[in-house]
All heavy atoms as atom14 arrays in JSON, in Angstrom:
{
  "sequence": "RSGHFLSAWKVMTGNDMQGGCLSTQKRIELAAGIPEIFRNQARELRDA",
  "atom14_mask": [
    [1, 1, 1, 1, 1, 1, 1, 1, 1, 1, 1, 0, 0, 0],
    [1, 1, 1, 1, 1, 1, 0, 0, 0, 0, 0, 0, 0, 0],
    [1, 1, 1, 1, 0, 0, 0, 0, 0, 0, 0, 0, 0, 0],
    [1, 1, 1, 1, 1, 1, 1, 1, 1, 1, 0, 0, 0, 0],
    [1, 1, 1, 1, 1, 1, 1, 1, 1, 1, 1, 0, 0, 0],
    [1, 1, 1, 1, 1, 1, 1, 1, 0, 0, 0, 0, 0, 0],
    [1, 1, 1, 1, 1, 1, 0, 0, 0, 0, 0, 0, 0, 0],
    [1, 1, 1, 1, 1, 0, 0, 0, 0, 0, 0, 0, 0, 0],
    [1, 1, 1, 1, 1, 1, 1, 1, 1, 1, 1, 1, 1, 1],
    [1, 1, 1, 1, 1, 1, 1, 1, 1, 0, 0, 0, 0, 0],
    [1, 1, 1, 1, 1, 1, 1, 0, 0, 0, 0, 0, 0, 0],
    [1, 1, 1, 1, 1, 1, 1, 1, 0, 0, 0, 0, 0, 0],
    [1, 1, 1, 1, 1, 1, 1, 0, 0, 0, 0, 0, 0, 0],
    [1, 1, 1, 1, 0, 0, 0, 0, 0, 0, 0, 0, 0, 0],
    [1, 1, 1, 1, 1, 1, 1, 1, 0, 0, 0, 0, 0, 0],
    [1, 1, 1, 1, 1, 1, 1, 1, 0, 0, 0, 0, 0, 0],
    [1, 1, 1, 1, 1, 1, 1, 1, 0, 0, 0, 0, 0, 0],
    [1, 1, 1, 1, 1, 1, 1, 1, 1, 0, 0, 0, 0, 0],
    [1, 1, 1, 1, 0, 0, 0, 0, 0, 0, 0, 0, 0, 0],
    [1, 1, 1, 1, 0, 0, 0, 0, 0, 0, 0, 0, 0, 0],
    [1, 1, 1, 1, 1, 1, 0, 0, 0, 0, 0, 0, 0, 0],
    [1, 1, 1, 1, 1, 1, 1, 1, 0, 0, 0, 0, 0, 0],
    [1, 1, 1, 1, 1, 1, 0, 0, 0, 0, 0, 0, 0, 0],
    [1, 1, 1, 1, 1, 1, 1, 0, 0, 0, 0, 0, 0, 0],
    [1, 1, 1, 1, 1, 1, 1, 1, 1, 0, 0, 0, 0, 0],
    [1, 1, 1, 1, 1, 1, 1, 1, 1, 0, 0, 0, 0, 0],
    [1, 1, 1, 1, 1, 1, 1, 1, 1, 1, 1, 0, 0, 0],
    [1, 1, 1, 1, 1, 1, 1, 1, 0, 0, 0, 0, 0, 0],
    [1, 1, 1, 1, 1, 1, 1, 1, 1, 0, 0, 0, 0, 0],
    [1, 1, 1, 1, 1, 1, 1, 1, 0, 0, 0, 0, 0, 0],
    [1, 1, 1, 1, 1, 0, 0, 0, 0, 0, 0, 0, 0, 0],
    [1, 1, 1, 1, 1, 0, 0, 0, 0, 0, 0, 0, 0, 0],
    [1, 1, 1, 1, 0, 0, 0, 0, 0, 0, 0, 0, 0, 0],
    [1, 1, 1, 1, 1, 1, 1, 1, 0, 0, 0, 0, 0, 0],
    [1, 1, 1, 1, 1, 1, 1, 0, 0, 0, 0, 0, 0, 0],
    [1, 1, 1, 1, 1, 1, 1, 1, 1, 0, 0, 0, 0, 0],
    [1, 1, 1, 1, 1, 1, 1, 1, 0, 0, 0, 0, 0, 0],
    [1, 1, 1, 1, 1, 1, 1, 1, 1, 1, 1, 0, 0, 0],
    [1, 1, 1, 1, 1, 1, 1, 1, 1, 1, 1, 0, 0, 0],
    [1, 1, 1, 1, 1, 1, 1, 1, 0, 0, 0, 0, 0, 0],
    [1, 1, 1, 1, 1, 1, 1, 1, 1, 0, 0, 0, 0, 0],
    [1, 1, 1, 1, 1, 0, 0, 0, 0, 0, 0, 0, 0, 0],
    [1, 1, 1, 1, 1, 1, 1, 1, 1, 1, 1, 0, 0, 0],
    [1, 1, 1, 1, 1, 1, 1, 1, 1, 0, 0, 0, 0, 0],
    [1, 1, 1, 1, 1, 1, 1, 1, 0, 0, 0, 0, 0, 0],
    [1, 1, 1, 1, 1, 1, 1, 1, 1, 1, 1, 0, 0, 0],
    [1, 1, 1, 1, 1, 1, 1, 1, 0, 0, 0, 0, 0, 0],
    [1, 1, 1, 1, 1, 0, 0, 0, 0, 0, 0, 0, 0, 0]
  ],
  "atom14_positions": [
    [[44.47, 16.22, -6.93], [43.43, 17.0, -7.67], [42.39, 17.41, -6.7], [41.77, 18.46, -6.74], [42.98, 16.33, -8.98], [44.03, 16.29, -9.91], [43.55, 15.43, -11.19], [42.34, 15.94, -11.82], [42.29, 16.7, -12.81], [43.42, 17.15, -13.31], [41.18, 17.16, -13.35], [0.0, 0.0, 0.0], [0.0, 0.0, 0.0], [0.0, 0.0, 0.0]],
    [[41.74, 16.38, -5.99], [40.61, 16.66, -5.06], [40.99, 17.57, -3.97], [40.21, 18.4, -3.57], [40.12, 15.28, -4.45], [41.1, 14.71, -3.69], [0.0, 0.0, 0.0], [0.0, 0.0, 0.0], [0.0, 0.0, 0.0], [0.0, 0.0, 0.0], [0.0, 0.0, 0.0], [0.0, 0.0, 0.0], [0.0, 0.0, 0.0], [0.0, 0.0, 0.0]],
    [[42.29, 17.46, -3.48], [42.78, 18.45, -2.51], [42.81, 19.85, -3.05], [42.45, 20.86, -2.32], [0.0, 0.0, 0.0], [0.0, 0.0, 0.0], [0.0, 0.0, 0.0], [0.0, 0.0, 0.0], [0.0, 0.0, 0.0], [0.0, 0.0, 0.0], [0.0, 0.0, 0.0], [0.0, 0.0, 0.0], [0.0, 0.0, 0.0], [0.0, 0.0, 0.0]],
    [[43.29, 19.96, -4.28], [43.35, 21.31, -4.96], [41.89, 21.83, -5.07], [41.71, 23.02, -4.8], [43.98, 21.23, -6.28], [45.46, 21.16, -6.26], [46.28, 21.86, -5.58], [46.29, 20.27, -7.04], [47.57, 21.56, -5.73], [47.63, 20.66, -6.65], [0.0, 0.0, 0.0], [0.0, 0.0, 0.0], [0.0, 0.0, 0.0], [0.0, 0.0, 0.0]],
    [[40.95, 20.93, -5.52], [39.55, 21.48, -5.68], [39.04, 21.89, -4.33], [38.34, 22.98, -4.17], [38.76, 20.49, -6.36], [37.3, 21.12, -6.71], [37.12, 21.86, -7.72], [36.37, 20.89, -5.75], [35.89, 22.5, -7.85], [35.08, 21.41, -5.94], [34.82, 22.21, -7.04], [0.0, 0.0, 0.0], [0.0, 0.0, 0.0], [0.0, 0.0, 0.0]],
    [[39.25, 21.12, -3.36], [38.69, 21.48, -2.0], [39.22, 22.79, -1.57], [38.47, 23.66, -1.01], [38.97, 20.38, -1.02], [38.47, 20.56, 0.47], [36.92, 20.83, 0.45], [38.88, 19.4, 1.36], [0.0, 0.0, 0.0], [0.0, 0.0, 0.0], [0.0, 0.0, 0.0], [0.0, 0.0, 0.0], [0.0, 0.0, 0.0], [0.0, 0.0, 0.0]],
    [[40.52, 23.01, -1.68], [41.2, 24.35, -1.28], [40.52, 25.42, -2.11], [40.24, 26.42, -1.54], [42.65, 24.21, -1.5], [43.23, 23.33, -0.55], [0.0, 0.0, 0.0], [0.0, 0.0, 0.0], [0.0, 0.0, 0.0], [0.0, 0.0, 0.0], [0.0, 0.0, 0.0], [0.0, 0.0, 0.0], [0.0, 0.0, 0.0], [0.0, 0.0, 0.0]],
    [[40.29, 25.19, -3.38], [39.71, 26.22, -4.2], [38.37, 26.59, -3.74], [37.93, 27.75, -3.85], [39.79, 25.79, -5.72], [0.0, 0.0, 0.0], [0.0, 0.0, 0.0], [0.0, 0.0, 0.0], [0.0, 0.0, 0.0], [0.0, 0.0, 0.0], [0.0, 0.0, 0.0], [0.0, 0.0, 0.0], [0.0, 0.0, 0.0], [0.0, 0.0, 0.0]],
    [[37.57, 25.51, -3.36], [36.21, 25.72, -3.0], [36.25, 26.56, -1.63], [35.43, 27.48, -1.51], [35.55, 24.38, -2.73], [34.18, 24.52, -2.32], [33.64, 24.35, -1.11], [32.99, 24.83, -3.15], [32.28, 24.54, -1.09], [31.94, 24.86, -2.34], [32.97, 25.24, -4.5], [30.68, 25.22, -2.91], [31.76, 25.53, -4.95], [30.53, 25.5, -4.24]],
    [[37.19, 26.32, -0.78], [37.27, 27.05, 0.46], [37.57, 28.56, 0.11], [37.05, 29.47, 0.72], [38.37, 26.42, 1.42], [37.99, 25.1, 1.95], [39.16, 24.66, 2.78], [38.93, 23.3, 3.36], [40.05, 22.83, 4.07], [0.0, 0.0, 0.0], [0.0, 0.0, 0.0], [0.0, 0.0, 0.0], [0.0, 0.0, 0.0], [0.0, 0.0, 0.0]],
    [[38.52, 28.78, -0.85], [38.86, 30.05, -1.15], [37.72, 30.91, -1.8], [37.42, 32.0, -1.48], [40.11, 30.06, -2.15], [40.3, 31.47, -2.85], [41.34, 29.65, -1.51], [0.0, 0.0, 0.0], [0.0, 0.0, 0.0], [0.0, 0.0, 0.0], [0.0, 0.0, 0.0], [0.0, 0.0, 0.0], [0.0, 0.0, 0.0], [0.0, 0.0, 0.0]],
    [[36.99, 30.21, -2.72], [35.87, 30.89, -3.44], [34.69, 31.11, -2.51], [33.89, 32.11, -2.74], [35.46, 30.07, -4.66], [36.42, 29.99, -5.77], [36.74, 31.73, -6.26], [38.48, 31.54, -6.62], [0.0, 0.0, 0.0], [0.0, 0.0, 0.0], [0.0, 0.0, 0.0], [0.0, 0.0, 0.0], [0.0, 0.0, 0.0], [0.0, 0.0, 0.0]],
    [[34.39, 30.3, -1.56], [33.23, 30.38, -0.73], [33.44, 30.98, 0.59], [32.57, 31.52, 1.26], [32.5, 29.08, -0.58], [33.45, 28.22, 0.21], [32.12, 28.4, -1.82], [0.0, 0.0, 0.0], [0.0, 0.0, 0.0], [0.0, 0.0, 0.0], [0.0, 0.0, 0.0], [0.0, 0.0, 0.0], [0.0, 0.0, 0.0], [0.0, 0.0, 0.0]],
    [[34.79, 30.89, 1.11], [35.06, 31.33, 2.42], [34.66, 30.42, 3.51], [34.82, 30.72, 4.74], [0.0, 0.0, 0.0], [0.0, 0.0, 0.0], [0.0, 0.0, 0.0], [0.0, 0.0, 0.0], [0.0, 0.0, 0.0], [0.0, 0.0, 0.0], [0.0, 0.0, 0.0], [0.0, 0.0, 0.0], [0.0, 0.0, 0.0], [0.0, 0.0, 0.0]],
    [[34.11, 29.24, 3.23], [33.69, 28.22, 4.04], [34.89, 27.41, 4.48], [35.57, 26.74, 3.54], [32.64, 27.44, 3.42], [31.97, 26.4, 4.29], [32.59, 25.99, 5.29], [30.69, 26.05, 3.98], [0.0, 0.0, 0.0], [0.0, 0.0, 0.0], [0.0, 0.0, 0.0], [0.0, 0.0, 0.0], [0.0, 0.0, 0.0], [0.0, 0.0, 0.0]],
    [[35.16, 27.15, 5.7], [36.32, 26.36, 6.13], [35.92, 24.83, 6.15], [36.72, 23.92, 6.51], [36.85, 26.67, 7.49], [35.98, 26.47, 8.67], [34.76, 25.9, 8.4], [36.29, 26.71, 9.82], [0.0, 0.0, 0.0], [0.0, 0.0, 0.0], [0.0, 0.0, 0.0], [0.0, 0.0, 0.0], [0.0, 0.0, 0.0], [0.0, 0.0, 0.0]],
    [[34.7, 24.53, 5.74], [34.17, 23.26, 5.75], [34.12, 22.51, 7.03], [34.04, 21.18, 7.13], [35.0, 22.29, 4.75], [35.27, 22.84, 3.31], [33.63, 23.16, 2.54], [33.18, 21.53, 2.06], [0.0, 0.0, 0.0], [0.0, 0.0, 0.0], [0.0, 0.0, 0.0], [0.0, 0.0, 0.0], [0.0, 0.0, 0.0], [0.0, 0.0, 0.0]],
    [[34.08, 23.26, 8.08], [34.0, 22.74, 9.56], [33.02, 23.61, 10.19], [33.02, 23.57, 11.42], [35.3, 22.73, 10.19], [36.34, 21.78, 9.53], [37.77, 21.85, 10.18], [37.89, 22.5, 11.2], [38.62, 21.23, 9.64], [0.0, 0.0, 0.0], [0.0, 0.0, 0.0], [0.0, 0.0, 0.0], [0.0, 0.0, 0.0], [0.0, 0.0, 0.0]],
    [[32.2, 24.26, 9.5], [31.1, 25.04, 10.1], [31.38, 26.54, 10.31], [30.63, 27.22, 10.9], [0.0, 0.0, 0.0], [0.0, 0.0, 0.0], [0.0, 0.0, 0.0], [0.0, 0.0, 0.0], [0.0, 0.0, 0.0], [0.0, 0.0, 0.0], [0.0, 0.0, 0.0], [0.0, 0.0, 0.0], [0.0, 0.0, 0.0], [0.0, 0.0, 0.0]],
    [[32.65, 26.87, 9.89], [33.11, 28.27, 10.24], [33.48, 28.96, 8.85], [33.19, 28.49, 7.73], [0.0, 0.0, 0.0], [0.0, 0.0, 0.0], [0.0, 0.0, 0.0], [0.0, 0.0, 0.0], [0.0, 0.0, 0.0], [0.0, 0.0, 0.0], [0.0, 0.0, 0.0], [0.0, 0.0, 0.0], [0.0, 0.0, 0.0], [0.0, 0.0, 0.0]],
    [[34.0, 30.17, 8.98], [34.37, 30.94, 7.9], [35.93, 31.15, 7.96], [36.58, 31.2, 9.07], [33.82, 32.26, 7.86], [31.91, 32.23, 7.65], [0.0, 0.0, 0.0], [0.0, 0.0, 0.0], [0.0, 0.0, 0.0], [0.0, 0.0, 0.0], [0.0, 0.0, 0.0], [0.0, 0.0, 0.0], [0.0, 0.0, 0.0], [0.0, 0.0, 0.0]],
    [[36.51, 31.27, 6.76], [37.98, 31.59, 6.66], [38.19, 33.08, 6.63], [37.47, 33.85, 6.08], [38.5, 31.03, 5.34], [38.51, 29.49, 5.2], [39.0, 29.14, 3.8], [39.41, 28.87, 6.18], [0.0, 0.0, 0.0], [0.0, 0.0, 0.0], [0.0, 0.0, 0.0], [0.0, 0.0, 0.0], [0.0, 0.0, 0.0], [0.0, 0.0, 0.0]],
    [[39.24, 33.46, 7.2], [39.6, 34.88, 7.23], [40.15, 35.21, 5.8], [40.62, 34.34, 5.02], [40.7, 35.13, 8.33], [41.92, 34.51, 7.86], [0.0, 0.0, 0.0], [0.0, 0.0, 0.0], [0.0, 0.0, 0.0], [0.0, 0.0, 0.0], [0.0, 0.0, 0.0], [0.0, 0.0, 0.0], [0.0, 0.0, 0.0], [0.0, 0.0, 0.0]],
    [[40.12, 36.49, 5.52], [40.66, 36.98, 4.23], [42.07, 36.51, 4.09], [42.52, 36.1, 3.0], [40.44, 38.48, 4.06], [39.08, 38.83, 4.19], [40.96, 38.97, 2.79], [0.0, 0.0, 0.0], [0.0, 0.0, 0.0], [0.0, 0.0, 0.0], [0.0, 0.0, 0.0], [0.0, 0.0, 0.0], [0.0, 0.0, 0.0], [0.0, 0.0, 0.0]],
    [[42.92, 36.61, 5.09], [44.26, 36.32, 5.05], [44.49, 34.78, 4.74], [45.34, 34.52, 3.92], [45.04, 36.61, 6.47], [46.39, 36.28, 6.47], [47.35, 37.19, 5.51], [46.98, 38.33, 5.24], [48.3, 36.53, 5.01], [0.0, 0.0, 0.0], [0.0, 0.0, 0.0], [0.0, 0.0, 0.0], [0.0, 0.0, 0.0], [0.0, 0.0, 0.0]],
    [[43.69, 33.94, 5.39], [43.81, 32.5, 5.18], [43.39, 32.14, 3.78], [43.96, 31.31, 3.1], [42.86, 31.78, 6.12], [42.98, 30.26, 6.01], [44.32, 29.72, 6.34], [44.42, 28.26, 6.32], [45.66, 27.74, 6.49], [0.0, 0.0, 0.0], [0.0, 0.0, 0.0], [0.0, 0.0, 0.0], [0.0, 0.0, 0.0], [0.0, 0.0, 0.0]],
    [[42.32, 32.9, 3.2], [41.97, 32.65, 1.76], [43.04, 33.04, 0.85], [43.27, 32.31, -0.09], [40.65, 33.42, 1.59], [39.45, 32.89, 2.29], [38.27, 33.72, 2.1], [37.57, 33.68, 0.88], [36.47, 34.15, 0.55], [35.84, 34.99, 1.41], [35.95, 33.99, -0.64], [0.0, 0.0, 0.0], [0.0, 0.0, 0.0], [0.0, 0.0, 0.0]],
    [[43.71, 34.22, 1.06], [44.75, 34.57, 0.22], [45.92, 33.57, 0.32], [46.56, 33.21, -0.73], [45.33, 35.9, 0.65], [44.23, 37.04, 0.37], [46.57, 36.35, -0.01], [44.52, 38.39, 0.99], [0.0, 0.0, 0.0], [0.0, 0.0, 0.0], [0.0, 0.0, 0.0], [0.0, 0.0, 0.0], [0.0, 0.0, 0.0], [0.0, 0.0, 0.0]],
    [[46.3, 33.08, 1.47], [47.35, 32.05, 1.65], [47.03, 30.87, 0.88], [47.88, 30.26, 0.19], [47.55, 31.72, 3.13], [48.16, 32.86, 3.93], [48.22, 32.58, 5.42], [47.91, 31.44, 5.85], [48.58, 33.48, 6.12], [0.0, 0.0, 0.0], [0.0, 0.0, 0.0], [0.0, 0.0, 0.0], [0.0, 0.0, 0.0], [0.0, 0.0, 0.0]],
    [[45.81, 30.37, 1.05], [45.41, 29.15, 0.26], [45.43, 29.33, -1.17], [45.82, 28.47, -1.96], [43.89, 28.69, 0.74], [43.67, 27.87, 1.88], [42.22, 27.73, 2.23], [44.41, 26.49, 1.8], [0.0, 0.0, 0.0], [0.0, 0.0, 0.0], [0.0, 0.0, 0.0], [0.0, 0.0, 0.0], [0.0, 0.0, 0.0], [0.0, 0.0, 0.0]],
    [[44.91, 30.46, -1.65], [44.73, 30.69, -3.16], [46.2, 30.72, -3.83], [46.22, 30.25, -4.94], [44.21, 32.05, -3.39], [0.0, 0.0, 0.0], [0.0, 0.0, 0.0], [0.0, 0.0, 0.0], [0.0, 0.0, 0.0], [0.0, 0.0, 0.0], [0.0, 0.0, 0.0], [0.0, 0.0, 0.0], [0.0, 0.0, 0.0], [0.0, 0.0, 0.0]],
    [[47.24, 31.07, -3.09], [48.6, 30.99, -3.71], [49.03, 29.57, -4.18], [49.81, 29.49, -5.14], [49.56, 31.52, -2.75], [0.0, 0.0, 0.0], [0.0, 0.0, 0.0], [0.0, 0.0, 0.0], [0.0, 0.0, 0.0], [0.0, 0.0, 0.0], [0.0, 0.0, 0.0], [0.0, 0.0, 0.0], [0.0, 0.0, 0.0], [0.0, 0.0, 0.0]],
    [[48.56, 28.54, -3.52], [49.05, 27.19, -3.94], [48.05, 26.44, -4.74], [48.29, 25.22, -5.03], [0.0, 0.0, 0.0], [0.0, 0.0, 0.0], [0.0, 0.0, 0.0], [0.0, 0.0, 0.0], [0.0, 0.0, 0.0], [0.0, 0.0, 0.0], [0.0, 0.0, 0.0], [0.0, 0.0, 0.0], [0.0, 0.0, 0.0], [0.0, 0.0, 0.0]],
    [[47.03, 27.16, -5.34], [45.98, 26.37, -6.03], [46.19, 26.74, -7.52], [46.12, 27.88, -7.89], [44.57, 26.76, -5.56], [44.43, 26.58, -4.13], [43.59, 26.0, -6.4], [43.11, 27.14, -3.54], [0.0, 0.0, 0.0], [0.0, 0.0, 0.0], [0.0, 0.0, 0.0], [0.0, 0.0, 0.0], [0.0, 0.0, 0.0], [0.0, 0.0, 0.0]],
    [[46.33, 25.63, -8.35], [46.27, 26.0, -9.78], [45.11, 26.6, -10.24], [44.02, 26.45, -9.84], [46.4, 24.55, -10.45], [47.01, 23.68, -9.43], [46.47, 24.26, -8.05], [0.0, 0.0, 0.0], [0.0, 0.0, 0.0], [0.0, 0.0, 0.0], [0.0, 0.0, 0.0], [0.0, 0.0, 0.0], [0.0, 0.0, 0.0], [0.0, 0.0, 0.0]],
    [[45.24, 27.56, -11.29], [44.13, 28.46, -11.74], [42.97, 27.65, -12.18], [41.8, 28.08, -11.98], [44.68, 29.37, -12.89], [43.67, 30.33, -13.32], [44.26, 31.3, -14.29], [45.41, 31.34, -14.59], [43.35, 32.04, -14.87], [0.0, 0.0, 0.0], [0.0, 0.0, 0.0], [0.0, 0.0, 0.0], [0.0, 0.0, 0.0], [0.0, 0.0, 0.0]],
    [[43.17, 26.48, -12.84], [42.02, 25.72, -13.35], [41.12, 25.29, -12.28], [39.88, 25.36, -12.39], [42.48, 24.52, -14.12], [41.29, 23.93, -14.9], [43.11, 23.53, -13.34], [41.61, 22.96, -16.1], [0.0, 0.0, 0.0], [0.0, 0.0, 0.0], [0.0, 0.0, 0.0], [0.0, 0.0, 0.0], [0.0, 0.0, 0.0], [0.0, 0.0, 0.0]],
    [[41.68, 25.0, -11.05], [40.74, 24.57, -9.9], [40.04, 25.79, -9.39], [38.82, 25.71, -9.07], [41.52, 23.89, -8.86], [42.13, 22.51, -9.31], [43.32, 22.42, -9.71], [41.23, 21.45, -9.43], [43.89, 21.3, -10.19], [41.75, 20.23, -9.88], [43.01, 20.14, -10.25], [0.0, 0.0, 0.0], [0.0, 0.0, 0.0], [0.0, 0.0, 0.0]],
    [[40.64, 26.95, -9.25], [39.95, 28.22, -8.89], [38.87, 28.56, -9.77], [37.81, 28.85, -9.36], [40.96, 29.33, -8.76], [42.0, 29.15, -7.63], [42.69, 30.47, -7.33], [43.31, 31.09, -8.36], [44.57, 30.9, -8.8], [45.42, 30.17, -8.11], [45.06, 31.5, -9.87], [0.0, 0.0, 0.0], [0.0, 0.0, 0.0], [0.0, 0.0, 0.0]],
    [[39.08, 28.35, -11.07], [38.02, 28.7, -12.11], [36.9, 27.74, -11.95], [35.74, 28.18, -12.02], [38.69, 28.63, -13.5], [39.59, 29.76, -13.78], [39.61, 30.78, -13.13], [40.39, 29.52, -14.76], [0.0, 0.0, 0.0], [0.0, 0.0, 0.0], [0.0, 0.0, 0.0], [0.0, 0.0, 0.0], [0.0, 0.0, 0.0], [0.0, 0.0, 0.0]],
    [[37.14, 26.46, -11.77], [36.07, 25.54, -11.65], [35.22, 25.78, -10.39], [33.99, 25.77, -10.42], [36.57, 24.04, -11.55], [37.16, 23.58, -12.92], [37.81, 22.25, -12.79], [38.18, 21.8, -11.7], [37.98, 21.61, -13.85], [0.0, 0.0, 0.0], [0.0, 0.0, 0.0], [0.0, 0.0, 0.0], [0.0, 0.0, 0.0], [0.0, 0.0, 0.0]],
    [[35.83, 26.09, -9.25], [35.21, 26.41, -8.03], [34.36, 27.7, -8.18], [33.26, 27.78, -7.73], [36.05, 26.51, -6.86], [0.0, 0.0, 0.0], [0.0, 0.0, 0.0], [0.0, 0.0, 0.0], [0.0, 0.0, 0.0], [0.0, 0.0, 0.0], [0.0, 0.0, 0.0], [0.0, 0.0, 0.0], [0.0, 0.0, 0.0], [0.0, 0.0, 0.0]],
    [[34.95, 28.65, -8.87], [34.34, 29.94, -9.11], [33.01, 29.71, -9.94], [31.97, 30.32, -9.57], [35.21, 30.93, -9.72], [34.56, 32.31, -9.99], [35.59, 33.31, -10.66], [36.77, 33.43, -9.9], [37.99, 33.14, -10.32], [38.22, 32.49, -11.47], [38.95, 33.32, -9.55], [0.0, 0.0, 0.0], [0.0, 0.0, 0.0], [0.0, 0.0, 0.0]],
    [[33.13, 28.93, -10.95], [31.91, 28.63, -11.76], [30.84, 27.96, -10.92], [29.62, 28.25, -11.08], [32.35, 27.67, -12.95], [33.08, 28.39, -14.01], [33.53, 27.4, -15.2], [32.94, 26.41, -15.27], [34.53, 27.72, -15.85], [0.0, 0.0, 0.0], [0.0, 0.0, 0.0], [0.0, 0.0, 0.0], [0.0, 0.0, 0.0], [0.0, 0.0, 0.0]],
    [[31.21, 27.07, -10.15], [30.14, 26.34, -9.36], [29.51, 27.31, -8.26], [28.29, 27.33, -8.15], [30.73, 25.14, -8.57], [30.9, 23.84, -9.36], [31.63, 22.82, -8.36], [29.6, 23.33, -9.82], [0.0, 0.0, 0.0], [0.0, 0.0, 0.0], [0.0, 0.0, 0.0], [0.0, 0.0, 0.0], [0.0, 0.0, 0.0], [0.0, 0.0, 0.0]],
    [[30.36, 28.11, -7.7], [29.83, 29.1, -6.76], [28.85, 30.13, -7.44], [27.79, 30.43, -7.04], [31.04, 29.95, -6.2], [30.55, 30.97, -5.26], [31.59, 32.04, -4.95], [31.8, 32.77, -6.1], [32.88, 33.56, -6.37], [33.79, 33.63, -5.42], [33.12, 34.15, -7.52], [0.0, 0.0, 0.0], [0.0, 0.0, 0.0], [0.0, 0.0, 0.0]],
    [[29.24, 30.59, -8.68], [28.45, 31.57, -9.42], [27.24, 30.93, -9.92], [26.22, 31.64, -10.14], [29.3, 32.18, -10.52], [30.48, 33.05, -10.11], [30.48, 33.31, -8.72], [31.33, 33.39, -10.81], [0.0, 0.0, 0.0], [0.0, 0.0, 0.0], [0.0, 0.0, 0.0], [0.0, 0.0, 0.0], [0.0, 0.0, 0.0], [0.0, 0.0, 0.0]],
    [[27.2, 29.66, -10.13], [26.05, 28.97, -10.6], [24.96, 28.76, -9.45], [23.92, 28.32, -9.76], [26.37, 27.53, -11.19], [0.0, 0.0, 0.0], [0.0, 0.0, 0.0], [0.0, 0.0, 0.0], [0.0, 0.0, 0.0], [0.0, 0.0, 0.0], [0.0, 0.0, 0.0], [0.0, 0.0, 0.0], [0.0, 0.0, 0.0], [0.0, 0.0, 0.0]]
  ]
}
C-alpha cells in the first residue's frame, strides 16, 4: 500500500522524490499500475 501511494504521489506531483521531475511518459507508465483509490488520495493531498 505504501508503494502504491508513493507511486501515486509521484504521478500527481511529477516529483521523482530524488530532486528531479518525472517525464509525462514516465507518469503515464506509473499511473497504469496504481489503484484508483491511491491516485485519488494523492490528488486530494496535492489539491489541498
